[in-house]
Amino acid sequence: MTVVVRSSDGSKLPVTIAGENDPVFGKGAYTALSLESTGLPTVFAVDQGYPNPFNPTITVPFAMPVRGDVSFAVYNILGQQVFQTSGNYGAGYHRFHFDAAQSGMELVSGMYFLRVEHNAEVKTQKIMLLK
């Protein structure tokens, strides 16, 4: 991980991390600070799909701590499965793209449920299709 703190004139400022709960970032004003970790996720997680409401596509970010199979299913408000797919993904951060126009069924405007499963762990979220 690299941390660079710059002042408003673009010059680098010294960085001192005093402790986990009390970081000190040099002296004077700074305009931006960013910390980026490129490490692997530690848990299976599914973020909220965007845009939501969607028409006709939605992107759903998810994180995998280990390689494995992931299944994606979409259900209508009556609980009927209207789409299902699966794939094998490596450890890391990924995005699933759902296209309602290519789902194989004529989907109408309304609320749907996206179910994502990996290693018997299930995450569900509401998604709204607006035509």
N, C-alpha and C. Protein backbone atom coordinates (compact mmCIF):
# COMPACT_ATOMS: atom_id res chain seq x y z
N MET A 1 0.86 -1.16 0.00
CA MET A 1 0.00 0.00 0.00
C MET A 1 0.91 1.22 0.00
N THR A 2 0.52 2.21 -0.77
CA THR A 2 1.27 3.45 -0.84
C THR A 2 0.35 4.58 -0.41
N VAL A 3 0.86 5.44 0.46
CA VAL A 3 0.11 6.61 0.91
C VAL A 3 0.90 7.84 0.52
N VAL A 4 0.24 8.74 -0.20
CA VAL A 4 0.86 10.01 -0.57
C VAL A 4 -0.10 11.11 -0.17
N VAL A 5 0.39 12.07 0.60
CA VAL A 5 -0.41 13.22 1.00
C VAL A 5 0.19 14.43 0.32
N ARG A 6 -0.65 15.20 -0.36
CA ARG A 6 -0.19 16.40 -1.06
C ARG A 6 -0.90 17.62 -0.52
N SER A 7 -0.17 18.72 -0.48
CA SER A 7 -0.76 19.98 -0.07
C SER A 7 -1.52 20.57 -1.25
N SER A 8 -2.18 21.70 -1.01
CA SER A 8 -2.97 22.32 -2.07
C SER A 8 -2.12 22.77 -3.23
N ASP A 9 -0.81 23.00 -3.03
CA ASP A 9 0.06 23.38 -4.15
C ASP A 9 0.68 22.17 -4.84
N GLY A 10 0.31 20.96 -4.42
CA GLY A 10 0.79 19.75 -5.07
C GLY A 10 2.04 19.14 -4.47
N SER A 11 2.67 19.83 -3.53
CA SER A 11 3.89 19.28 -2.94
C SER A 11 3.55 18.18 -1.94
N LYS A 12 4.46 17.21 -1.82
CA LYS A 12 4.26 16.09 -0.91
C LYS A 12 4.45 16.54 0.54
N LEU A 13 3.62 16.00 1.41
CA LEU A 13 3.73 16.26 2.84
C LEU A 13 4.20 14.98 3.52
N PRO A 14 4.94 15.10 4.61
CA PRO A 14 5.36 13.88 5.32
C PRO A 14 4.16 13.20 5.96
N VAL A 15 4.23 11.87 6.05
CA VAL A 15 3.14 11.10 6.64
C VAL A 15 3.68 10.34 7.83
N THR A 16 2.97 10.45 8.94
CA THR A 16 3.31 9.69 10.14
C THR A 16 2.04 9.00 10.61
N ILE A 17 2.11 7.72 10.79
CA ILE A 17 0.97 6.99 11.35
C ILE A 17 1.32 6.73 12.80
N ALA A 18 0.59 7.40 13.70
CA ALA A 18 0.90 7.33 15.12
C ALA A 18 0.29 6.10 15.78
N GLY A 19 -0.70 5.54 15.19
CA GLY A 19 -1.36 4.38 15.77
C GLY A 19 -2.64 4.08 15.01
N GLU A 20 -3.21 2.93 15.28
CA GLU A 20 -4.40 2.52 14.53
C GLU A 20 -5.57 3.48 14.70
N ASN A 21 -5.72 4.03 15.89
CA ASN A 21 -6.88 4.88 16.16
C ASN A 21 -6.57 6.38 16.12
N ASP A 22 -5.32 6.74 15.95
CA ASP A 22 -4.99 8.16 15.96
C ASP A 22 -3.92 8.51 14.92
N PRO A 23 -4.27 8.42 13.62
CA PRO A 23 -3.28 8.76 12.59
C PRO A 23 -3.01 10.27 12.57
N VAL A 24 -1.77 10.61 12.28
CA VAL A 24 -1.37 12.01 12.14
C VAL A 24 -0.82 12.16 10.74
N PHE A 25 -1.33 13.09 9.97
CA PHE A 25 -0.96 13.24 8.57
C PHE A 25 -0.16 14.51 8.35
N GLY A 26 1.04 14.58 8.87
CA GLY A 26 1.91 15.72 8.60
C GLY A 26 1.39 16.99 9.23
N LYS A 27 1.90 18.11 8.73
CA LYS A 27 1.50 19.42 9.27
C LYS A 27 0.91 20.25 8.15
N GLY A 28 -0.03 21.10 8.46
CA GLY A 28 -0.64 21.96 7.47
C GLY A 28 -1.83 21.31 6.80
N ALA A 29 -2.43 22.07 5.89
CA ALA A 29 -3.62 21.59 5.20
C ALA A 29 -3.24 20.68 4.04
N TYR A 30 -4.08 19.73 3.76
CA TYR A 30 -3.88 18.86 2.60
C TYR A 30 -5.20 18.77 1.85
N THR A 31 -5.14 18.49 0.58
CA THR A 31 -6.35 18.48 -0.24
C THR A 31 -6.92 17.09 -0.46
N ALA A 32 -6.10 16.07 -0.42
CA ALA A 32 -6.63 14.74 -0.68
C ALA A 32 -5.78 13.69 0.01
N LEU A 33 -6.42 12.68 0.48
CA LEU A 33 -5.74 11.54 1.09
C LEU A 33 -6.48 10.30 0.64
N SER A 34 -5.77 9.35 0.11
CA SER A 34 -6.44 8.11 -0.28
C SER A 34 -5.60 6.93 0.16
N LEU A 35 -6.28 5.94 0.69
CA LEU A 35 -5.66 4.69 1.08
C LEU A 35 -6.31 3.61 0.23
N GLU A 36 -5.50 2.87 -0.47
CA GLU A 36 -6.04 1.81 -1.30
C GLU A 36 -5.37 0.50 -0.95
N SER A 37 -6.18 -0.50 -0.78
CA SER A 37 -5.67 -1.83 -0.49
C SER A 37 -5.92 -2.70 -1.70
N THR A 38 -4.93 -3.42 -2.13
CA THR A 38 -5.11 -4.32 -3.25
C THR A 38 -5.19 -5.77 -2.78
N GLY A 39 -5.36 -5.95 -1.48
CA GLY A 39 -5.45 -7.29 -0.93
C GLY A 39 -6.74 -7.99 -1.32
N LEU A 40 -6.79 -9.27 -1.05
CA LEU A 40 -7.98 -10.06 -1.35
C LEU A 40 -9.03 -9.86 -0.27
N PRO A 41 -10.31 -9.98 -0.64
CA PRO A 41 -11.36 -9.88 0.38
C PRO A 41 -11.24 -11.04 1.38
N THR A 42 -11.73 -10.81 2.58
CA THR A 42 -11.66 -11.84 3.62
C THR A 42 -12.99 -12.57 3.79
N VAL A 43 -14.07 -12.02 3.23
CA VAL A 43 -15.39 -12.65 3.32
C VAL A 43 -16.11 -12.55 1.98
N PHE A 44 -17.07 -13.45 1.77
CA PHE A 44 -17.94 -13.37 0.60
C PHE A 44 -18.92 -12.23 0.83
N ALA A 45 -18.98 -11.30 -0.11
CA ALA A 45 -19.85 -10.13 0.04
C ALA A 45 -20.46 -9.78 -1.31
N VAL A 46 -21.69 -9.31 -1.28
CA VAL A 46 -22.38 -8.84 -2.47
C VAL A 46 -22.86 -7.42 -2.20
N ASP A 47 -22.37 -6.47 -2.99
CA ASP A 47 -22.79 -5.07 -2.84
C ASP A 47 -24.08 -4.84 -3.60
N GLN A 48 -24.75 -3.74 -3.28
CA GLN A 48 -26.00 -3.40 -3.94
C GLN A 48 -25.78 -3.17 -5.43
N GLY A 49 -26.64 -3.74 -6.24
CA GLY A 49 -26.57 -3.57 -7.68
C GLY A 49 -26.86 -2.13 -8.08
N TYR A 50 -26.30 -1.73 -9.20
CA TYR A 50 -26.52 -0.37 -9.71
C TYR A 50 -26.64 -0.39 -11.22
N PRO A 51 -27.34 0.49 -11.86
CA PRO A 51 -28.31 1.39 -11.20
C PRO A 51 -29.51 0.57 -10.71
N ASN A 52 -30.16 1.06 -9.73
CA ASN A 52 -31.34 0.40 -9.20
C ASN A 52 -32.33 1.47 -8.80
N PRO A 53 -33.40 1.66 -9.56
CA PRO A 53 -33.98 0.83 -10.60
C PRO A 53 -33.09 0.77 -11.85
N PHE A 54 -33.31 -0.31 -12.64
CA PHE A 54 -32.51 -0.52 -13.84
C PHE A 54 -33.39 -0.76 -15.06
N ASN A 55 -32.83 -0.55 -16.25
CA ASN A 55 -33.51 -0.84 -17.51
C ASN A 55 -32.50 -0.80 -18.63
N PRO A 56 -32.16 -1.87 -19.25
CA PRO A 56 -32.51 -3.25 -18.92
C PRO A 56 -31.39 -3.95 -18.16
N THR A 57 -30.24 -3.27 -17.88
CA THR A 57 -29.11 -3.97 -17.26
C THR A 57 -28.79 -3.42 -15.87
N ILE A 58 -28.29 -4.31 -15.04
CA ILE A 58 -27.84 -3.95 -13.70
C ILE A 58 -26.51 -4.65 -13.46
N THR A 59 -25.62 -3.96 -12.76
CA THR A 59 -24.30 -4.50 -12.41
C THR A 59 -24.27 -4.74 -10.90
N VAL A 60 -23.82 -5.93 -10.51
CA VAL A 60 -23.78 -6.30 -9.10
C VAL A 60 -22.35 -6.66 -8.72
N PRO A 61 -21.67 -5.80 -7.93
CA PRO A 61 -20.31 -6.12 -7.49
C PRO A 61 -20.34 -7.18 -6.39
N PHE A 62 -19.37 -8.08 -6.42
CA PHE A 62 -19.26 -9.07 -5.36
C PHE A 62 -17.79 -9.40 -5.12
N ALA A 63 -17.52 -9.89 -3.91
CA ALA A 63 -16.15 -10.21 -3.50
C ALA A 63 -16.09 -11.66 -3.04
N MET A 64 -14.99 -12.32 -3.43
CA MET A 64 -14.80 -13.73 -3.08
C MET A 64 -13.44 -13.90 -2.39
N PRO A 65 -13.42 -14.49 -1.19
CA PRO A 65 -12.15 -14.72 -0.52
C PRO A 65 -11.36 -15.89 -1.10
N VAL A 66 -12.07 -16.84 -1.74
CA VAL A 66 -11.44 -18.03 -2.33
C VAL A 66 -12.11 -18.33 -3.67
N ARG A 67 -11.40 -19.06 -4.53
CA ARG A 67 -11.98 -19.48 -5.81
C ARG A 67 -13.16 -20.40 -5.55
N GLY A 68 -14.18 -20.30 -6.41
CA GLY A 68 -15.31 -21.20 -6.26
C GLY A 68 -16.44 -20.87 -7.21
N ASP A 69 -17.45 -21.73 -7.18
CA ASP A 69 -18.63 -21.53 -8.00
C ASP A 69 -19.57 -20.53 -7.35
N VAL A 70 -20.17 -19.69 -8.18
CA VAL A 70 -21.15 -18.71 -7.73
C VAL A 70 -22.37 -18.86 -8.62
N SER A 71 -23.55 -18.95 -8.00
CA SER A 71 -24.77 -19.01 -8.80
C SER A 71 -25.58 -17.74 -8.57
N PHE A 72 -26.21 -17.30 -9.64
CA PHE A 72 -27.03 -16.10 -9.63
C PHE A 72 -28.42 -16.49 -10.10
N ALA A 73 -29.44 -16.10 -9.36
CA ALA A 73 -30.82 -16.38 -9.75
C ALA A 73 -31.66 -15.14 -9.50
N VAL A 74 -32.61 -14.90 -10.39
CA VAL A 74 -33.53 -13.77 -10.25
C VAL A 74 -34.94 -14.35 -10.13
N TYR A 75 -35.68 -13.85 -9.14
CA TYR A 75 -37.04 -14.31 -8.86
C TYR A 75 -37.99 -13.13 -8.97
N ASN A 76 -39.21 -13.39 -9.47
CA ASN A 76 -40.22 -12.34 -9.49
C ASN A 76 -40.89 -12.25 -8.14
N ILE A 77 -41.83 -11.34 -8.01
CA ILE A 77 -42.47 -11.09 -6.72
C ILE A 77 -43.30 -12.29 -6.24
N LEU A 78 -43.65 -13.20 -7.16
CA LEU A 78 -44.40 -14.41 -6.79
C LEU A 78 -43.48 -15.55 -6.37
N GLY A 79 -42.16 -15.31 -6.43
CA GLY A 79 -41.20 -16.35 -6.05
C GLY A 79 -40.83 -17.28 -7.18
N GLN A 80 -41.26 -16.97 -8.40
CA GLN A 80 -40.92 -17.80 -9.55
C GLN A 80 -39.55 -17.40 -10.10
N GLN A 81 -38.71 -18.39 -10.33
CA GLN A 81 -37.38 -18.11 -10.88
C GLN A 81 -37.52 -17.72 -12.35
N VAL A 82 -36.96 -16.55 -12.70
CA VAL A 82 -37.05 -16.06 -14.08
C VAL A 82 -35.70 -16.04 -14.78
N PHE A 83 -34.64 -16.31 -14.02
CA PHE A 83 -33.29 -16.34 -14.61
C PHE A 83 -32.38 -17.10 -13.67
N GLN A 84 -31.41 -17.85 -14.26
CA GLN A 84 -30.42 -18.55 -13.44
C GLN A 84 -29.17 -18.75 -14.29
N THR A 85 -28.02 -18.52 -13.66
CA THR A 85 -26.73 -18.80 -14.28
C THR A 85 -25.72 -19.06 -13.17
N SER A 86 -24.59 -19.61 -13.54
CA SER A 86 -23.52 -19.82 -12.56
C SER A 86 -22.18 -19.75 -13.27
N GLY A 87 -21.15 -19.61 -12.48
CA GLY A 87 -19.80 -19.56 -13.03
C GLY A 87 -18.78 -19.79 -11.94
N ASN A 88 -17.56 -20.04 -12.36
CA ASN A 88 -16.46 -20.24 -11.43
C ASN A 88 -15.60 -18.98 -11.44
N TYR A 89 -15.37 -18.42 -10.27
CA TYR A 89 -14.63 -17.17 -10.15
C TYR A 89 -13.45 -17.36 -9.21
N GLY A 90 -12.38 -16.65 -9.48
CA GLY A 90 -11.21 -16.67 -8.62
C GLY A 90 -11.41 -15.74 -7.43
N ALA A 91 -10.53 -15.86 -6.47
CA ALA A 91 -10.57 -14.96 -5.32
C ALA A 91 -10.36 -13.54 -5.80
N GLY A 92 -11.11 -12.60 -5.26
CA GLY A 92 -10.96 -11.20 -5.64
C GLY A 92 -12.29 -10.50 -5.79
N TYR A 93 -12.26 -9.38 -6.48
CA TYR A 93 -13.43 -8.53 -6.67
C TYR A 93 -13.95 -8.71 -8.10
N HIS A 94 -15.27 -8.89 -8.24
CA HIS A 94 -15.87 -9.16 -9.53
C HIS A 94 -17.16 -8.36 -9.68
N ARG A 95 -17.72 -8.39 -10.90
CA ARG A 95 -19.01 -7.78 -11.18
C ARG A 95 -19.84 -8.75 -12.01
N PHE A 96 -21.10 -8.90 -11.61
CA PHE A 96 -22.06 -9.69 -12.37
C PHE A 96 -22.98 -8.72 -13.10
N HIS A 97 -23.18 -8.93 -14.40
CA HIS A 97 -24.03 -8.07 -15.20
C HIS A 97 -25.28 -8.86 -15.59
N PHE A 98 -26.45 -8.36 -15.18
CA PHE A 98 -27.71 -8.98 -15.54
C PHE A 98 -28.42 -8.11 -16.56
N ASP A 99 -28.80 -8.70 -17.68
CA ASP A 99 -29.51 -8.00 -18.74
C ASP A 99 -30.91 -8.59 -18.84
N ALA A 100 -31.91 -7.84 -18.41
CA ALA A 100 -33.28 -8.34 -18.42
C ALA A 100 -33.76 -8.66 -19.82
N ALA A 101 -33.25 -7.94 -20.82
CA ALA A 101 -33.66 -8.19 -22.20
C ALA A 101 -33.11 -9.52 -22.72
N GLN A 102 -32.03 -10.01 -22.12
CA GLN A 102 -31.41 -11.26 -22.55
C GLN A 102 -31.67 -12.40 -21.57
N SER A 103 -32.63 -12.25 -20.69
CA SER A 103 -32.87 -13.25 -19.64
C SER A 103 -33.55 -14.51 -20.15
N GLY A 104 -34.11 -14.46 -21.34
CA GLY A 104 -34.82 -15.62 -21.86
C GLY A 104 -36.30 -15.58 -21.58
N MET A 105 -36.74 -14.61 -20.78
CA MET A 105 -38.16 -14.43 -20.47
C MET A 105 -38.51 -12.97 -20.69
N GLU A 106 -39.77 -12.71 -20.97
CA GLU A 106 -40.25 -11.34 -21.12
C GLU A 106 -40.54 -10.79 -19.72
N LEU A 107 -39.62 -10.02 -19.19
CA LEU A 107 -39.78 -9.47 -17.84
C LEU A 107 -40.53 -8.15 -17.91
N VAL A 108 -41.46 -7.97 -16.99
CA VAL A 108 -42.23 -6.74 -16.93
C VAL A 108 -41.65 -5.84 -15.84
N SER A 109 -42.03 -4.57 -15.85
CA SER A 109 -41.60 -3.66 -14.80
C SER A 109 -42.06 -4.18 -13.45
N GLY A 110 -41.21 -4.03 -12.46
CA GLY A 110 -41.58 -4.46 -11.12
C GLY A 110 -40.38 -4.84 -10.29
N MET A 111 -40.67 -5.32 -9.08
CA MET A 111 -39.62 -5.72 -8.15
C MET A 111 -39.23 -7.18 -8.39
N TYR A 112 -37.93 -7.43 -8.31
CA TYR A 112 -37.39 -8.77 -8.44
C TYR A 112 -36.41 -8.98 -7.29
N PHE A 113 -36.06 -10.22 -7.06
CA PHE A 113 -35.08 -10.56 -6.03
C PHE A 113 -33.90 -11.25 -6.69
N LEU A 114 -32.71 -10.76 -6.41
CA LEU A 114 -31.49 -11.38 -6.91
C LEU A 114 -30.90 -12.22 -5.78
N ARG A 115 -30.67 -13.49 -6.07
CA ARG A 115 -30.09 -14.42 -5.08
C ARG A 115 -28.72 -14.84 -5.58
N VAL A 116 -27.70 -14.61 -4.75
CA VAL A 116 -26.33 -14.96 -5.09
C VAL A 116 -25.85 -15.98 -4.05
N GLU A 117 -25.32 -17.12 -4.53
CA GLU A 117 -24.90 -18.18 -3.62
C GLU A 117 -23.47 -18.62 -3.92
N HIS A 118 -22.69 -18.77 -2.84
CA HIS A 118 -21.31 -19.26 -2.93
C HIS A 118 -21.02 -20.08 -1.67
N ASN A 119 -20.58 -21.32 -1.86
CA ASN A 119 -20.24 -22.20 -0.73
C ASN A 119 -21.33 -22.24 0.34
N ALA A 120 -22.56 -22.43 -0.08
CA ALA A 120 -23.72 -22.52 0.81
C ALA A 120 -24.03 -21.22 1.54
N GLU A 121 -23.38 -20.13 1.20
CA GLU A 121 -23.69 -18.82 1.75
C GLU A 121 -24.53 -18.08 0.73
N VAL A 122 -25.66 -17.53 1.17
CA VAL A 122 -26.61 -16.89 0.26
C VAL A 122 -26.78 -15.42 0.62
N LYS A 123 -26.76 -14.58 -0.41
CA LYS A 123 -27.03 -13.15 -0.27
C LYS A 123 -28.18 -12.83 -1.20
N THR A 124 -29.15 -12.05 -0.70
CA THR A 124 -30.32 -11.68 -1.50
C THR A 124 -30.52 -10.18 -1.45
N GLN A 125 -30.93 -9.61 -2.58
CA GLN A 125 -31.23 -8.19 -2.61
C GLN A 125 -32.39 -7.91 -3.55
N LYS A 126 -33.10 -6.81 -3.28
CA LYS A 126 -34.20 -6.39 -4.13
C LYS A 126 -33.62 -5.58 -5.30
N ILE A 127 -34.15 -5.84 -6.48
CA ILE A 127 -33.80 -5.04 -7.64
C ILE A 127 -35.10 -4.66 -8.34
N MET A 128 -35.14 -3.47 -8.92
CA MET A 128 -36.36 -2.95 -9.53
C MET A 128 -36.14 -2.69 -11.01
N LEU A 129 -36.93 -3.35 -11.85
CA LEU A 129 -36.89 -3.14 -13.29
C LEU A 129 -37.95 -2.13 -13.66
N LEU A 130 -37.55 -1.04 -14.31
CA LEU A 130 -38.49 -0.03 -14.81
C LEU A 130 -38.33 0.08 -16.31
N LYS A 131 -39.39 -0.17 -17.03
CA LYS A 131 -39.35 -0.06 -18.50
C LYS A 131 -39.97 1.24 -18.95
